[in-house]
Each structure stands twice: as structure tokens, then as C-alpha cells.
Amino acid sequence: AAAAPPTHCGPYGIPLRMLMAKDVGNLLLAGRNISATHVALGTVRVMGTTALTGQAAGVTAAVAMAKNRCLEEAAVVDIREIQQKLLRE
């Protein structure tokens, strides 16, 4: 009999764009109401991850405010700075 395929896929990133409201500009959502397929939602809805999405939303908003940018622009132009701040914290 063939062995079952492994079910563990290791660490992965969560795109910041998952936190961006689809129909409302300059709005980030965090927690269990983020945009994901039913498959991905199974891993991003756990408490630790939802807390980190809130932190990512806050850091992104702070960077955007400091640079006088909209959130969508900051998420593209300042993504490395946002990632580094999140890693440091």
C-alpha cells in the first residue's frame, strides 16, 4: 500500500493584502474576518495568528501615518520596513 502524503507544510507567510478591505479604501481588518479561502482560514484563525494580524495592521497603520501614505501604498512601498518592525517586535 502506498504511504499517505505528509500533511505538515512548515512555516509560511501571510500576505499583508489579506488584511486590506476589498471594498473600502484605507481600511485594514485583523482577526478572524480576514480574506482567505476555506483551506487557508483553517490555519489563520487560531488565536496566536489573529493576534499577530492585529499587530501587523497596527504597525502598517503607524508606518503609513508617519510617511503620510495611504495603507495600500505603504503596504507596497514600505513593506520591508513593516516586516523588519514586526520581526524586531
N, C-alpha and C. Protein backbone atom coordinates (compact mmCIF):
# COMPACT_ATOMS: atom_id res chain seq x y z
N ALA A 1 0.84 -1.18 0.00
CA ALA A 1 0.00 0.00 0.00
C ALA A 1 0.88 1.23 0.00
N ALA A 2 0.43 2.25 -0.70
CA ALA A 2 1.19 3.49 -0.78
C ALA A 2 1.05 4.28 0.52
N ALA A 3 2.11 4.94 0.89
CA ALA A 3 2.10 5.77 2.11
C ALA A 3 1.28 7.03 1.87
N ALA A 4 0.62 7.47 2.91
CA ALA A 4 -0.17 8.71 2.82
C ALA A 4 0.78 9.90 2.68
N PRO A 5 0.39 10.90 1.89
CA PRO A 5 1.24 12.09 1.75
C PRO A 5 1.32 12.85 3.07
N PRO A 6 2.44 13.53 3.31
CA PRO A 6 2.57 14.28 4.56
C PRO A 6 1.55 15.42 4.61
N THR A 7 1.08 15.74 5.81
CA THR A 7 0.10 16.81 5.95
C THR A 7 0.70 18.08 6.52
N HIS A 8 1.93 18.04 6.98
CA HIS A 8 2.59 19.23 7.53
C HIS A 8 3.32 19.96 6.41
N CYS A 9 3.15 21.27 6.33
CA CYS A 9 3.80 22.02 5.25
C CYS A 9 4.82 23.02 5.76
N GLY A 10 5.04 23.13 7.06
CA GLY A 10 6.04 24.04 7.59
C GLY A 10 5.56 25.48 7.67
N PRO A 11 6.42 26.36 8.14
CA PRO A 11 6.04 27.78 8.29
C PRO A 11 5.76 28.44 6.94
N TYR A 12 4.89 29.40 6.95
CA TYR A 12 4.58 30.15 5.74
C TYR A 12 4.19 31.57 6.11
N GLY A 13 4.30 32.47 5.16
CA GLY A 13 3.95 33.86 5.39
C GLY A 13 2.48 34.12 5.12
N ILE A 14 1.98 35.18 5.73
CA ILE A 14 0.61 35.62 5.48
C ILE A 14 0.71 36.97 4.78
N PRO A 15 0.22 37.08 3.56
CA PRO A 15 0.34 38.35 2.83
C PRO A 15 -0.42 39.48 3.53
N LEU A 16 0.21 40.64 3.59
CA LEU A 16 -0.43 41.80 4.22
C LEU A 16 -1.72 42.17 3.50
N ARG A 17 -1.80 41.92 2.22
CA ARG A 17 -3.02 42.26 1.47
C ARG A 17 -4.25 41.50 1.96
N MET A 18 -4.04 40.40 2.70
CA MET A 18 -5.17 39.67 3.28
C MET A 18 -5.92 40.52 4.30
N LEU A 19 -5.25 41.54 4.85
CA LEU A 19 -5.86 42.39 5.87
C LEU A 19 -6.56 43.61 5.27
N MET A 20 -6.43 43.81 3.98
CA MET A 20 -7.00 45.00 3.34
C MET A 20 -8.44 44.78 2.95
N ALA A 21 -9.29 45.72 3.34
CA ALA A 21 -10.70 45.64 2.99
C ALA A 21 -10.85 45.72 1.47
N LYS A 22 -11.67 44.86 0.92
CA LYS A 22 -11.84 44.78 -0.53
C LYS A 22 -12.56 46.00 -1.10
N ASP A 23 -13.62 46.43 -0.44
CA ASP A 23 -14.47 47.48 -1.00
C ASP A 23 -14.36 48.83 -0.29
N VAL A 24 -13.48 48.92 0.71
CA VAL A 24 -13.32 50.18 1.45
C VAL A 24 -11.84 50.53 1.45
N GLY A 25 -11.52 51.66 0.91
CA GLY A 25 -10.11 52.07 0.84
C GLY A 25 -9.57 52.47 2.21
N ASN A 26 -8.26 52.28 2.39
CA ASN A 26 -7.55 52.72 3.58
C ASN A 26 -8.09 52.09 4.87
N LEU A 27 -8.49 50.83 4.78
CA LEU A 27 -9.00 50.11 5.96
C LEU A 27 -8.35 48.74 6.04
N LEU A 28 -7.77 48.45 7.21
CA LEU A 28 -7.20 47.13 7.47
C LEU A 28 -8.09 46.39 8.44
N LEU A 29 -8.27 45.12 8.21
CA LEU A 29 -9.05 44.26 9.09
C LEU A 29 -8.11 43.24 9.71
N ALA A 30 -8.35 42.88 10.93
CA ALA A 30 -7.50 41.88 11.59
C ALA A 30 -8.39 40.91 12.34
N GLY A 31 -7.82 39.77 12.66
CA GLY A 31 -8.59 38.77 13.39
C GLY A 31 -9.18 37.75 12.45
N ARG A 32 -10.34 37.24 12.80
CA ARG A 32 -10.94 36.16 12.01
C ARG A 32 -11.71 36.63 10.79
N ASN A 33 -11.79 37.91 10.58
CA ASN A 33 -12.54 38.42 9.43
C ASN A 33 -11.63 38.77 8.25
N ILE A 34 -10.42 38.21 8.21
CA ILE A 34 -9.53 38.49 7.09
C ILE A 34 -9.93 37.66 5.88
N SER A 35 -9.43 38.04 4.72
CA SER A 35 -9.78 37.38 3.47
C SER A 35 -8.93 36.13 3.27
N ALA A 36 -9.58 34.98 3.19
CA ALA A 36 -8.85 33.73 2.97
C ALA A 36 -9.80 32.68 2.41
N THR A 37 -9.24 31.72 1.72
CA THR A 37 -10.04 30.58 1.28
C THR A 37 -10.39 29.73 2.49
N HIS A 38 -11.31 28.83 2.35
CA HIS A 38 -11.69 27.98 3.48
C HIS A 38 -10.53 27.10 3.92
N VAL A 39 -9.64 26.77 2.99
CA VAL A 39 -8.47 25.96 3.34
C VAL A 39 -7.50 26.77 4.19
N ALA A 40 -7.17 27.99 3.75
CA ALA A 40 -6.23 28.84 4.48
C ALA A 40 -6.81 29.32 5.80
N LEU A 41 -8.10 29.53 5.84
CA LEU A 41 -8.72 30.03 7.07
C LEU A 41 -8.52 29.06 8.24
N GLY A 42 -8.39 27.79 7.94
CA GLY A 42 -8.17 26.81 9.00
C GLY A 42 -6.90 27.06 9.78
N THR A 43 -5.89 27.66 9.17
CA THR A 43 -4.64 27.91 9.88
C THR A 43 -4.50 29.35 10.37
N VAL A 44 -5.18 30.31 9.75
CA VAL A 44 -5.00 31.70 10.17
C VAL A 44 -6.02 32.15 11.21
N ARG A 45 -6.96 31.30 11.57
CA ARG A 45 -7.99 31.72 12.53
C ARG A 45 -7.64 31.39 13.97
N VAL A 46 -6.48 30.80 14.22
CA VAL A 46 -6.09 30.46 15.59
C VAL A 46 -5.68 31.73 16.34
N MET A 47 -5.81 31.72 17.65
CA MET A 47 -5.65 32.93 18.45
C MET A 47 -4.30 33.63 18.27
N GLY A 48 -3.22 32.87 18.26
CA GLY A 48 -1.90 33.49 18.11
C GLY A 48 -1.76 34.22 16.79
N THR A 49 -2.24 33.61 15.74
CA THR A 49 -2.14 34.22 14.42
C THR A 49 -3.05 35.43 14.31
N THR A 50 -4.25 35.35 14.86
CA THR A 50 -5.15 36.50 14.78
C THR A 50 -4.59 37.69 15.57
N ALA A 51 -3.92 37.42 16.67
CA ALA A 51 -3.28 38.50 17.43
C ALA A 51 -2.19 39.15 16.60
N LEU A 52 -1.42 38.35 15.89
CA LEU A 52 -0.35 38.90 15.06
C LEU A 52 -0.87 39.68 13.87
N THR A 53 -2.04 39.32 13.35
CA THR A 53 -2.62 40.13 12.27
C THR A 53 -2.99 41.51 12.79
N GLY A 54 -3.44 41.57 14.03
CA GLY A 54 -3.72 42.87 14.65
C GLY A 54 -2.47 43.70 14.80
N GLN A 55 -1.38 43.06 15.21
CA GLN A 55 -0.11 43.75 15.33
C GLN A 55 0.37 44.24 13.96
N ALA A 56 0.23 43.40 12.95
CA ALA A 56 0.65 43.79 11.60
C ALA A 56 -0.19 44.97 11.09
N ALA A 57 -1.47 44.97 11.37
CA ALA A 57 -2.33 46.08 10.97
C ALA A 57 -1.90 47.37 11.67
N GLY A 58 -1.60 47.27 12.95
CA GLY A 58 -1.17 48.46 13.71
C GLY A 58 0.15 49.01 13.23
N VAL A 59 1.11 48.14 13.00
CA VAL A 59 2.42 48.59 12.51
C VAL A 59 2.28 49.21 11.13
N THR A 60 1.50 48.61 10.27
CA THR A 60 1.29 49.16 8.93
C THR A 60 0.64 50.54 9.01
N ALA A 61 -0.36 50.68 9.85
CA ALA A 61 -1.02 51.98 10.01
C ALA A 61 -0.05 53.02 10.55
N ALA A 62 0.79 52.65 11.51
CA ALA A 62 1.76 53.60 12.08
C ALA A 62 2.78 54.04 11.04
N VAL A 63 3.28 53.11 10.25
CA VAL A 63 4.25 53.45 9.19
C VAL A 63 3.58 54.35 8.15
N ALA A 64 2.37 54.01 7.76
CA ALA A 64 1.65 54.83 6.77
C ALA A 64 1.42 56.25 7.29
N MET A 65 1.02 56.36 8.53
CA MET A 65 0.78 57.70 9.12
C MET A 65 2.08 58.50 9.19
N ALA A 66 3.17 57.85 9.60
CA ALA A 66 4.45 58.54 9.73
C ALA A 66 4.96 59.05 8.39
N LYS A 67 4.62 58.36 7.32
CA LYS A 67 5.10 58.74 5.99
C LYS A 67 4.03 59.42 5.15
N ASN A 68 2.88 59.68 5.77
CA ASN A 68 1.77 60.35 5.08
C ASN A 68 1.37 59.61 3.80
N ARG A 69 1.19 58.29 3.94
CA ARG A 69 0.79 57.46 2.81
C ARG A 69 -0.54 56.78 3.14
N CYS A 70 -1.26 56.38 2.10
CA CYS A 70 -2.44 55.54 2.33
C CYS A 70 -1.92 54.13 2.64
N LEU A 71 -2.77 53.32 3.25
CA LEU A 71 -2.35 51.97 3.66
C LEU A 71 -1.92 51.11 2.49
N GLU A 72 -2.65 51.20 1.38
CA GLU A 72 -2.32 50.39 0.21
C GLU A 72 -0.94 50.73 -0.33
N GLU A 73 -0.61 52.02 -0.33
CA GLU A 73 0.71 52.45 -0.82
C GLU A 73 1.80 52.01 0.15
N ALA A 74 1.58 52.19 1.44
CA ALA A 74 2.57 51.79 2.44
C ALA A 74 2.84 50.30 2.38
N ALA A 75 1.79 49.50 2.13
CA ALA A 75 1.95 48.05 2.08
C ALA A 75 2.84 47.61 0.91
N VAL A 76 2.96 48.45 -0.10
CA VAL A 76 3.82 48.13 -1.24
C VAL A 76 5.19 48.80 -1.09
N VAL A 77 5.18 50.10 -0.87
CA VAL A 77 6.43 50.88 -0.84
C VAL A 77 7.25 50.59 0.42
N ASP A 78 6.58 50.44 1.55
CA ASP A 78 7.28 50.30 2.83
C ASP A 78 7.23 48.88 3.41
N ILE A 79 6.97 47.89 2.57
CA ILE A 79 6.77 46.52 3.07
C ILE A 79 8.00 46.01 3.82
N ARG A 80 9.20 46.30 3.36
CA ARG A 80 10.41 45.81 4.05
C ARG A 80 10.52 46.43 5.44
N GLU A 81 10.23 47.71 5.55
CA GLU A 81 10.26 48.37 6.87
C GLU A 81 9.21 47.77 7.80
N ILE A 82 8.03 47.53 7.29
CA ILE A 82 6.96 46.92 8.09
C ILE A 82 7.38 45.53 8.55
N GLN A 83 7.92 44.74 7.65
CA GLN A 83 8.38 43.39 8.02
C GLN A 83 9.47 43.45 9.07
N GLN A 84 10.42 44.35 8.93
CA GLN A 84 11.50 44.44 9.90
C GLN A 84 11.01 44.88 11.28
N LYS A 85 10.06 45.81 11.31
CA LYS A 85 9.48 46.24 12.59
C LYS A 85 8.77 45.05 13.26
N LEU A 86 8.02 44.29 12.49
CA LEU A 86 7.32 43.13 13.05
C LEU A 86 8.31 42.08 13.55
N LEU A 87 9.38 41.85 12.84
CA LEU A 87 10.38 40.90 13.28
C LEU A 87 11.08 41.36 14.56
N ARG A 88 11.36 42.67 14.66
CA ARG A 88 12.00 43.20 15.88
C ARG A 88 11.10 43.11 17.08
N GLU A 89 9.81 43.34 16.87
CA GLU A 89 8.87 43.32 18.00
C GLU A 89 8.55 41.90 18.40
